[in-house]
Amino acid sequence: MPKPIAIIGTLDTKGHEVAYLRDLVQARGLRTWVIDPGVLGEAAVPADFGREEVARAGGAELRELVAAGDKGRAIRCMMDGTRAIVARLYAEGRLGGVLAVGGGQGTAIGTAAMHALPIGVPKVMVSTIASGRNVFEPYVGTSDVTLMHSVADILGVNSVTRRVFGNAAAAVAAMAESAEALQEGGPGGSATVLGATMLGLTTPCVLHAKELLEARGYELVTFHPNGTGGRSMERLVDEGLIRGVLDVSTQELAGEVCGGLFDAGPGRLTAAGRQGIPQVVAPGGTDYVVLGPLSSLTAEQRRRPYIVHNPNITLVRTSREEMAEIGRRMAERLNAARGPAAVLVPRGGFSYSDRPGHAFYDPEADAALVGALEQGLDSRVELAVVDAHVNDTAFAREAVGRLVASLETA
């Protein structure tokens, strides 16, 4: 039987809606935990984890938060407390999923709790802000949160919210039943899971690698390095799901150095080394930075080779100085690796457009990255230049061969 579902909502303003969701989930045969992160008003319905307990789990007493009158501090405390309770329930084997409901603050609290759970644990957030021009990165992040727009504001159960709440309860219940079946030996793989990064301009390389790795019995999970994808892969490495990395599309380092849209932050290219698992890295996609619409480019950027990818995205060739900085950061992070690490450089070019006759072909700029690697890498990190383009079968074969050799001797 699926484990209980946590239902999160402020019971002073969303009490009747939370009770309705609770009853819908229970009607499907699942148990529930009601968690109340509210602060000021009286709870409209009972909670399994009341606001006093939530505040205490967040490091404060509720009466102190109310007396202080600091709304920001109160929200942070209730967010921390809710997350701590959800994490504890999961660690104790008493949680099968989370269903939350709220507006801006409720969405922040509910999704923060969801982020404490591994990928695959059901997470459904019914939110008034899951639409329009809102930025969803703070709520979804690197997790598998399902955001459901409430359509109407959350004030009572009516002809609109009744349908939305019904779908939300059905969704989390079905997810929990499916997750339980997988854990009990249903459809699912037992092969060693590897992670790879793939861009549109490096797709042929990863397709070749996938075929070669699957033929050897490995499972390959690919991530689009768009700022979130790389962080998602790093997270799954830290969680222990991914046991080896084929990081051939390190474009997010270009985003970090050049202020591009695909910036994964300073934690990129660190998890595999931290966990001591094998990694093979290539500078795929570092030959350009992803920027906004053509109209947003500076005069200097417009003088460089560029490709209008779509009306919202322009790809701009990285300079020699930027390539050198990318190489330095790559070397610095790989030097900290506790396990086998290798960098393969495709002499023929770093992406589909980095080859003779195409927009980003600039061997001197590419050489600046290689020079920084040669100067900065420790002797423990292998550096090899492969006489092939990143998308050639020969390069994929070389990368796979080195990764498999490290996996089989680790």
Protein backbone atom coordinates (compact mmCIF):
# COMPACT_ATOMS: atom_id res chain seq x y z
CA MET A 1 0.00 0.00 0.00
CA PRO A 2 1.34 3.49 -0.82
CA LYS A 3 2.71 5.49 2.06
CA PRO A 4 0.80 8.56 3.32
CA ILE A 5 0.58 11.79 1.34
CA ALA A 6 1.56 15.04 3.06
CA ILE A 7 -0.93 17.83 2.36
CA ILE A 8 0.53 21.28 2.97
CA GLY A 9 -1.44 24.48 3.29
CA THR A 10 -1.96 27.38 5.69
CA LEU A 11 -5.04 26.32 7.62
CA ASP A 12 -6.03 29.86 8.61
CA THR A 13 -6.63 30.95 5.00
CA LYS A 14 -6.76 27.63 3.11
CA GLY A 15 -8.20 25.31 5.76
CA HIS A 16 -11.36 24.22 3.97
CA GLU A 17 -9.48 23.67 0.72
CA VAL A 18 -6.84 21.55 2.48
CA ALA A 19 -9.59 19.51 4.15
CA TYR A 20 -11.24 18.96 0.78
CA LEU A 21 -7.96 17.74 -0.74
CA ARG A 22 -7.37 15.53 2.30
CA ASP A 23 -10.77 13.90 1.90
CA LEU A 24 -10.24 13.35 -1.83
CA VAL A 25 -6.92 11.65 -1.26
CA GLN A 26 -8.29 9.51 1.57
CA ALA A 27 -11.26 8.52 -0.60
CA ARG A 28 -8.71 6.96 -2.96
CA GLY A 29 -7.50 4.72 -0.15
CA LEU A 30 -4.39 6.67 0.87
CA ARG A 31 -3.54 7.98 4.31
CA THR A 32 -2.60 11.63 4.79
CA TRP A 33 -0.52 13.97 6.92
CA VAL A 34 -1.86 17.53 7.12
CA ILE A 35 0.89 20.10 7.75
CA ASP A 36 -0.02 23.67 8.71
CA PRO A 37 2.65 26.35 8.09
CA GLY A 38 0.26 29.21 8.86
CA VAL A 39 1.21 31.86 11.40
CA LEU A 40 -1.48 34.40 12.35
CA GLY A 41 -5.12 33.27 12.14
CA GLU A 42 -6.84 30.30 13.74
CA ALA A 43 -6.65 26.97 11.95
CA ALA A 44 -9.99 26.14 10.34
CA VAL A 45 -9.39 22.36 10.53
CA PRO A 46 -7.16 20.07 12.61
CA ALA A 47 -3.59 19.36 11.51
CA ASP A 48 -1.38 16.35 12.08
CA PHE A 49 1.54 18.74 12.35
CA GLY A 50 0.31 22.06 13.72
CA ARG A 51 1.91 25.44 13.26
CA GLU A 52 3.58 25.35 16.67
CA GLU A 53 5.36 22.12 15.74
CA VAL A 54 6.27 23.50 12.30
CA ALA A 55 7.75 26.66 13.83
CA ARG A 56 9.72 24.61 16.35
CA ALA A 57 11.09 22.42 13.56
CA GLY A 58 12.19 25.65 11.87
CA GLY A 59 14.11 26.77 14.94
CA ALA A 60 11.69 29.16 16.70
CA GLU A 61 8.61 29.30 18.86
CA LEU A 62 5.41 30.42 17.15
CA ARG A 63 4.60 33.01 19.82
CA GLU A 64 8.00 34.61 19.26
CA LEU A 65 7.38 34.89 15.52
CA VAL A 66 3.97 36.46 16.08
CA ALA A 67 5.30 38.89 18.67
CA ALA A 68 8.22 39.97 16.48
CA GLY A 69 5.93 40.89 13.61
CA ASP A 70 8.67 40.17 11.06
CA LYS A 71 6.82 38.57 8.16
CA GLY A 72 9.96 37.63 6.26
CA ARG A 73 11.47 35.85 9.27
CA ALA A 74 8.20 34.03 9.94
CA ILE A 75 7.95 32.77 6.36
CA ARG A 76 11.56 31.57 6.37
CA CYS A 77 11.03 29.76 9.67
CA MET A 78 7.83 28.03 8.54
CA MET A 79 9.49 27.13 5.25
CA ASP A 80 12.43 25.55 7.09
CA GLY A 81 10.11 23.79 9.52
CA THR A 82 7.86 22.35 6.83
CA ARG A 83 10.86 21.14 4.89
CA ALA A 84 12.35 19.53 8.00
CA ILE A 85 9.12 17.67 8.82
CA VAL A 86 8.70 16.42 5.26
CA ALA A 87 12.32 15.27 5.12
CA ARG A 88 11.97 13.47 8.45
CA LEU A 89 8.78 11.69 7.41
CA TYR A 90 10.45 10.49 4.22
CA ALA A 91 13.60 9.35 6.06
CA GLU A 92 11.40 7.37 8.46
CA GLY A 93 9.59 5.66 5.57
CA ARG A 94 6.30 7.39 6.37
CA LEU A 95 5.84 9.54 3.28
CA GLY A 96 4.74 8.63 -0.23
CA GLY A 97 4.28 12.07 -1.79
CA VAL A 98 3.38 15.71 -1.25
CA LEU A 99 0.36 17.76 -2.33
CA ALA A 100 0.39 21.47 -1.50
CA VAL A 101 -1.94 24.38 -2.19
CA GLY A 102 -1.33 28.10 -1.94
CA GLY A 103 -0.64 31.51 -3.39
CA GLY A 104 2.78 33.14 -3.55
CA GLN A 105 3.85 32.35 0.02
CA GLY A 106 2.16 28.95 0.08
CA THR A 107 3.89 28.02 -3.17
CA ALA A 108 7.27 29.05 -1.78
CA ILE A 109 6.71 26.96 1.37
CA GLY A 110 5.23 23.94 -0.38
CA THR A 111 7.88 23.67 -3.09
CA ALA A 112 10.70 24.23 -0.60
CA ALA A 113 9.49 21.13 1.23
CA MET A 114 9.28 19.22 -2.05
CA HIS A 115 12.91 20.06 -2.83
CA ALA A 116 13.93 18.05 0.23
CA LEU A 117 12.73 14.85 -1.46
CA PRO A 118 14.51 12.73 -4.07
CA ILE A 119 13.55 12.62 -7.72
CA GLY A 120 10.62 10.26 -8.23
CA VAL A 121 8.74 11.03 -5.02
CA PRO A 122 5.39 12.57 -6.16
CA LYS A 123 5.22 16.35 -5.78
CA VAL A 124 2.12 18.31 -6.84
CA MET A 125 1.75 22.04 -6.16
CA VAL A 126 -1.62 23.69 -6.84
CA SER A 127 -0.76 27.36 -7.14
CA THR A 128 -2.30 30.68 -8.09
CA ILE A 129 1.02 31.80 -9.59
CA ALA A 130 1.67 28.81 -11.88
CA SER A 131 0.97 30.89 -14.98
CA GLY A 132 1.73 34.12 -16.79
CA ARG A 133 5.15 35.78 -16.73
CA ASN A 134 6.24 34.39 -13.39
CA VAL A 135 9.70 32.85 -13.14
CA PHE A 136 9.37 29.21 -12.11
CA GLU A 137 13.01 28.41 -11.38
CA PRO A 138 12.70 29.12 -7.61
CA TYR A 139 9.77 26.72 -7.33
CA VAL A 140 10.81 23.89 -9.64
CA GLY A 141 14.61 24.13 -9.51
CA THR A 142 16.31 20.80 -10.15
CA SER A 143 13.41 18.75 -8.80
CA ASP A 144 10.45 17.05 -10.52
CA VAL A 145 7.80 19.35 -9.05
CA THR A 146 4.47 19.36 -10.89
CA LEU A 147 2.93 22.84 -10.87
CA MET A 148 -0.83 23.01 -11.44
CA HIS A 149 -2.51 26.35 -12.02
CA SER A 150 -5.50 26.83 -9.74
CA VAL A 151 -7.18 29.00 -12.44
CA ALA A 152 -9.38 30.72 -9.83
CA ASP A 153 -8.02 32.19 -6.63
CA ILE A 154 -7.99 29.74 -3.73
CA LEU A 155 -10.95 30.89 -1.69
CA GLY A 156 -13.36 28.05 -1.09
CA VAL A 157 -14.36 24.98 -3.06
CA ASN A 158 -16.42 26.07 -6.06
CA SER A 159 -17.26 25.03 -9.61
CA VAL A 160 -13.72 25.85 -10.79
CA THR A 161 -11.50 24.85 -7.88
CA ARG A 162 -13.47 21.64 -7.32
CA ARG A 163 -12.32 20.38 -10.72
CA VAL A 164 -8.73 21.51 -10.24
CA PHE A 165 -8.50 20.02 -6.73
CA GLY A 166 -10.04 16.77 -7.97
CA ASN A 167 -7.40 16.45 -10.67
CA ALA A 168 -4.62 17.31 -8.23
CA ALA A 169 -5.72 14.66 -5.73
CA ALA A 170 -6.11 12.08 -8.48
CA ALA A 171 -2.68 12.96 -9.86
CA VAL A 172 -0.76 12.63 -6.60
CA ALA A 173 -2.59 9.40 -5.70
CA ALA A 174 -1.82 7.84 -9.09
CA MET A 175 1.79 8.99 -8.86
CA ALA A 176 2.15 7.46 -5.40
CA GLU A 177 0.70 4.14 -6.55
CA SER A 178 3.01 4.10 -9.56
CA ALA A 179 6.08 4.97 -7.47
CA GLU A 180 5.21 2.22 -4.99
CA ALA A 181 4.91 -0.31 -7.82
CA LEU A 182 8.34 0.64 -9.16
CA GLN A 183 9.89 0.29 -5.71
CA GLU A 184 8.33 -3.14 -5.33
CA GLY A 185 9.96 -4.45 -8.48
CA GLY A 186 7.71 -3.20 -11.23
CA PRO A 187 9.01 -1.98 -14.59
CA GLY A 188 12.39 -0.36 -14.09
CA GLY A 189 16.05 -0.88 -14.86
CA SER A 190 18.79 -2.43 -12.78
CA ALA A 191 21.69 -1.32 -15.00
CA THR A 192 24.37 1.07 -13.81
CA VAL A 193 23.12 4.59 -14.49
CA LEU A 194 25.40 7.08 -16.21
CA GLY A 195 24.81 10.77 -16.88
CA ALA A 196 25.64 12.75 -20.01
CA THR A 197 25.16 16.34 -21.14
CA MET A 198 23.76 17.00 -24.61
CA LEU A 199 23.09 20.12 -26.67
CA GLY A 200 21.46 20.34 -30.06
CA LEU A 201 24.93 21.10 -31.47
CA THR A 202 26.48 18.03 -29.79
CA THR A 203 23.58 15.61 -30.25
CA PRO A 204 25.35 13.24 -32.72
CA CYS A 205 28.14 12.67 -30.21
CA VAL A 206 25.77 11.67 -27.42
CA LEU A 207 23.64 9.52 -29.72
CA HIS A 208 26.75 7.55 -30.69
CA ALA A 209 27.78 7.28 -27.04
CA LYS A 210 24.33 6.11 -25.97
CA GLU A 211 24.38 3.29 -28.50
CA LEU A 212 27.83 2.17 -27.43
CA LEU A 213 27.06 2.31 -23.71
CA GLU A 214 23.73 0.51 -23.97
CA ALA A 215 25.44 -2.24 -25.92
CA ARG A 216 27.66 -2.71 -22.86
CA GLY A 217 24.68 -2.88 -20.50
CA TYR A 218 24.73 0.66 -19.12
CA GLU A 219 21.78 3.03 -18.86
CA LEU A 220 22.43 6.59 -20.05
CA VAL A 221 20.41 9.57 -18.78
CA THR A 222 20.99 12.80 -20.72
CA PHE A 223 20.66 16.37 -19.47
CA HIS A 224 20.27 19.55 -21.47
CA PRO A 225 22.90 21.97 -20.07
CA ASN A 226 20.64 25.02 -19.98
CA GLY A 227 21.53 26.17 -16.47
CA THR A 228 19.08 23.81 -14.79
CA GLY A 229 20.00 20.59 -16.61
CA GLY A 230 23.61 20.59 -15.47
CA ARG A 231 22.57 21.27 -11.87
CA SER A 232 20.05 18.45 -12.10
CA MET A 233 22.77 16.04 -13.15
CA GLU A 234 25.03 17.25 -10.34
CA ARG A 235 22.21 16.69 -7.85
CA LEU A 236 21.59 13.13 -9.03
CA VAL A 237 25.30 12.39 -8.78
CA ASP A 238 25.27 13.60 -5.18
CA GLU A 239 22.14 11.53 -4.47
CA GLY A 240 23.96 8.41 -5.70
CA LEU A 241 21.78 7.56 -8.70
CA ILE A 242 24.39 8.41 -11.35
CA ARG A 243 27.59 6.37 -11.09
CA GLY A 244 29.61 7.81 -13.96
CA VAL A 245 29.55 10.98 -16.05
CA LEU A 246 30.10 11.67 -19.74
CA ASP A 247 30.13 15.46 -19.54
CA VAL A 248 30.76 16.26 -23.19
CA SER A 249 28.60 19.41 -23.35
CA THR A 250 29.99 21.87 -20.82
CA GLN A 251 28.29 24.92 -22.33
CA GLU A 252 27.15 26.10 -18.91
CA LEU A 253 30.73 27.13 -18.14
CA ALA A 254 30.50 29.55 -21.07
CA GLY A 255 27.27 30.87 -19.57
CA GLU A 256 29.01 31.32 -16.22
CA VAL A 257 32.05 33.10 -17.65
CA CYS A 258 30.18 35.27 -20.17
CA GLY A 259 27.00 36.05 -18.26
CA GLY A 260 24.84 33.94 -20.56
CA LEU A 261 21.40 32.48 -20.06
CA PHE A 262 22.73 28.94 -19.54
CA ASP A 263 24.64 29.53 -16.30
CA ALA A 264 24.58 26.67 -13.77
CA GLY A 265 26.70 28.47 -11.20
CA PRO A 266 30.00 27.58 -9.50
CA GLY A 267 28.80 24.13 -8.44
CA ARG A 268 28.87 22.88 -12.00
CA LEU A 269 31.49 20.21 -12.74
CA THR A 270 32.01 19.41 -9.05
CA ALA A 271 29.68 16.57 -7.98
CA ALA A 272 31.41 13.69 -9.79
CA GLY A 273 34.74 14.73 -8.33
CA ARG A 274 33.22 15.16 -4.88
CA GLN A 275 31.68 11.69 -5.01
CA GLY A 276 34.79 10.10 -6.50
CA ILE A 277 33.01 8.58 -9.51
CA PRO A 278 34.55 8.34 -13.00
CA GLN A 279 34.05 11.30 -15.33
CA VAL A 280 35.09 12.06 -18.87
CA VAL A 281 34.75 15.74 -19.77
CA ALA A 282 34.88 17.57 -23.10
CA PRO A 283 34.51 21.26 -24.02
CA GLY A 284 31.47 20.62 -26.20
CA GLY A 285 29.45 23.79 -26.75
CA THR A 286 31.94 26.13 -25.08
CA ASP A 287 32.57 27.80 -28.45
CA TYR A 288 29.51 29.99 -27.95
CA VAL A 289 27.44 31.67 -25.25
CA VAL A 290 23.64 31.64 -25.22
CA LEU A 291 22.20 35.15 -25.02
CA GLY A 292 18.77 36.72 -25.44
CA PRO A 293 17.15 38.22 -28.53
CA LEU A 294 19.41 39.79 -31.16
CA SER A 295 18.16 43.21 -30.08
CA SER A 296 19.59 42.62 -26.58
CA LEU A 297 23.19 42.12 -27.76
CA THR A 298 25.81 44.79 -27.15
CA ALA A 299 27.62 46.42 -30.06
CA GLU A 300 30.71 44.33 -29.27
CA GLN A 301 28.74 41.09 -29.27
CA ARG A 302 27.16 41.99 -32.61
CA ARG A 303 30.62 42.27 -34.13
CA ARG A 304 31.32 38.64 -33.28
CA PRO A 305 30.00 35.69 -35.28
CA TYR A 306 26.49 34.88 -34.09
CA ILE A 307 23.55 32.63 -34.93
CA VAL A 308 19.93 33.61 -34.35
CA HIS A 309 18.69 30.35 -32.83
CA ASN A 310 15.10 31.60 -32.49
CA PRO A 311 13.44 34.99 -31.80
CA ASN A 312 14.37 34.72 -28.10
CA ILE A 313 17.85 33.20 -28.22
CA THR A 314 21.06 34.24 -29.99
CA LEU A 315 24.26 32.20 -29.95
CA VAL A 316 27.45 34.31 -29.90
CA ARG A 317 30.98 33.02 -30.47
CA THR A 318 33.16 33.06 -27.33
CA SER A 319 36.42 35.02 -27.51
CA ARG A 320 39.94 33.75 -26.91
CA GLU A 321 40.02 35.40 -23.48
CA GLU A 322 36.70 33.84 -22.51
CA MET A 323 37.79 30.42 -23.76
CA ALA A 324 40.95 30.66 -21.68
CA GLU A 325 38.89 31.48 -18.58
CA ILE A 326 36.58 28.55 -19.28
CA GLY A 327 39.63 26.30 -19.45
CA ARG A 328 40.98 27.65 -16.18
CA ARG A 329 37.70 27.02 -14.34
CA MET A 330 37.39 23.56 -15.83
CA ALA A 331 40.91 22.70 -14.67
CA GLU A 332 40.37 24.12 -11.19
CA ARG A 333 37.23 22.05 -10.60
CA LEU A 334 38.57 18.83 -12.07
CA ASN A 335 41.75 19.12 -9.99
CA ALA A 336 39.58 18.66 -6.90
CA ALA A 337 38.24 15.30 -8.15
CA ARG A 338 38.60 12.36 -5.76
CA GLY A 339 38.06 9.82 -8.53
CA PRO A 340 39.18 9.18 -12.12
CA ALA A 341 38.85 12.26 -14.34
CA ALA A 342 39.84 12.83 -17.95
CA VAL A 343 39.42 15.70 -20.42
CA LEU A 344 39.12 14.87 -24.10
CA VAL A 345 39.55 17.74 -26.58
CA PRO A 346 38.16 17.24 -30.09
CA ARG A 347 40.73 18.86 -32.38
CA GLY A 348 38.18 19.17 -35.20
CA GLY A 349 35.81 21.46 -33.31
CA PHE A 350 33.62 21.75 -30.22
CA SER A 351 30.13 21.90 -31.78
CA TYR A 352 28.26 21.48 -35.06
CA SER A 353 28.97 25.13 -35.94
CA ASP A 354 32.63 24.98 -34.89
CA ARG A 355 34.10 23.46 -38.06
CA PRO A 356 35.50 24.80 -41.34
CA GLY A 357 33.02 26.89 -43.26
CA HIS A 358 30.66 27.39 -40.29
CA ALA A 359 29.98 30.41 -38.11
CA PHE A 360 31.91 29.51 -34.98
CA TYR A 361 35.03 27.94 -36.49
CA ASP A 362 37.96 29.61 -34.69
CA PRO A 363 40.87 27.24 -34.00
CA GLU A 364 42.86 29.95 -32.20
CA ALA A 365 40.07 30.62 -29.70
CA ASP A 366 39.66 26.87 -29.13
CA ALA A 367 43.42 26.61 -28.62
CA ALA A 368 43.21 29.19 -25.83
CA LEU A 369 40.98 26.81 -23.85
CA VAL A 370 43.34 23.91 -24.50
CA GLY A 371 46.30 26.01 -23.39
CA ALA A 372 44.60 26.86 -20.13
CA LEU A 373 43.90 23.19 -19.52
CA GLU A 374 47.51 22.23 -20.25
CA GLN A 375 48.74 24.86 -17.84
CA GLY A 376 46.16 24.34 -15.10
CA LEU A 377 45.38 20.62 -14.88
CA ASP A 378 47.12 18.45 -12.29
CA SER A 379 48.94 15.41 -13.59
CA ARG A 380 46.26 13.22 -11.96
CA VAL A 381 43.71 14.48 -14.51
CA GLU A 382 44.31 13.01 -17.93
CA LEU A 383 44.25 15.41 -20.89
CA ALA A 384 44.07 14.01 -24.41
CA VAL A 385 43.54 15.69 -27.78
CA VAL A 386 41.53 13.53 -30.17
CA ASP A 387 42.00 14.05 -33.90
CA ALA A 388 38.26 14.26 -34.59
CA HIS A 389 35.27 16.60 -34.36
CA VAL A 390 33.11 16.35 -31.23
CA ASN A 391 30.30 14.84 -33.30
CA ASP A 392 32.43 12.23 -35.06
CA THR A 393 31.85 8.61 -34.18
CA ALA A 394 35.56 8.29 -33.43
CA PHE A 395 35.34 10.90 -30.68
CA ALA A 396 32.31 9.26 -29.08
CA ARG A 397 34.05 5.90 -29.22
CA GLU A 398 37.15 7.32 -27.51
CA ALA A 399 35.11 9.03 -24.78
CA VAL A 400 33.05 5.93 -24.09
CA GLY A 401 36.11 3.73 -24.05
CA ARG A 402 37.84 5.83 -21.43
CA LEU A 403 34.73 6.09 -19.25
CA VAL A 404 34.03 2.36 -19.37
CA ALA A 405 37.67 1.57 -18.56
CA SER A 406 37.44 3.77 -15.46
CA LEU A 407 34.11 2.24 -14.43
CA GLU A 408 35.42 -1.31 -14.76
CA THR A 409 38.55 -0.63 -12.74
CA ALA A 410 36.95 1.61 -10.09
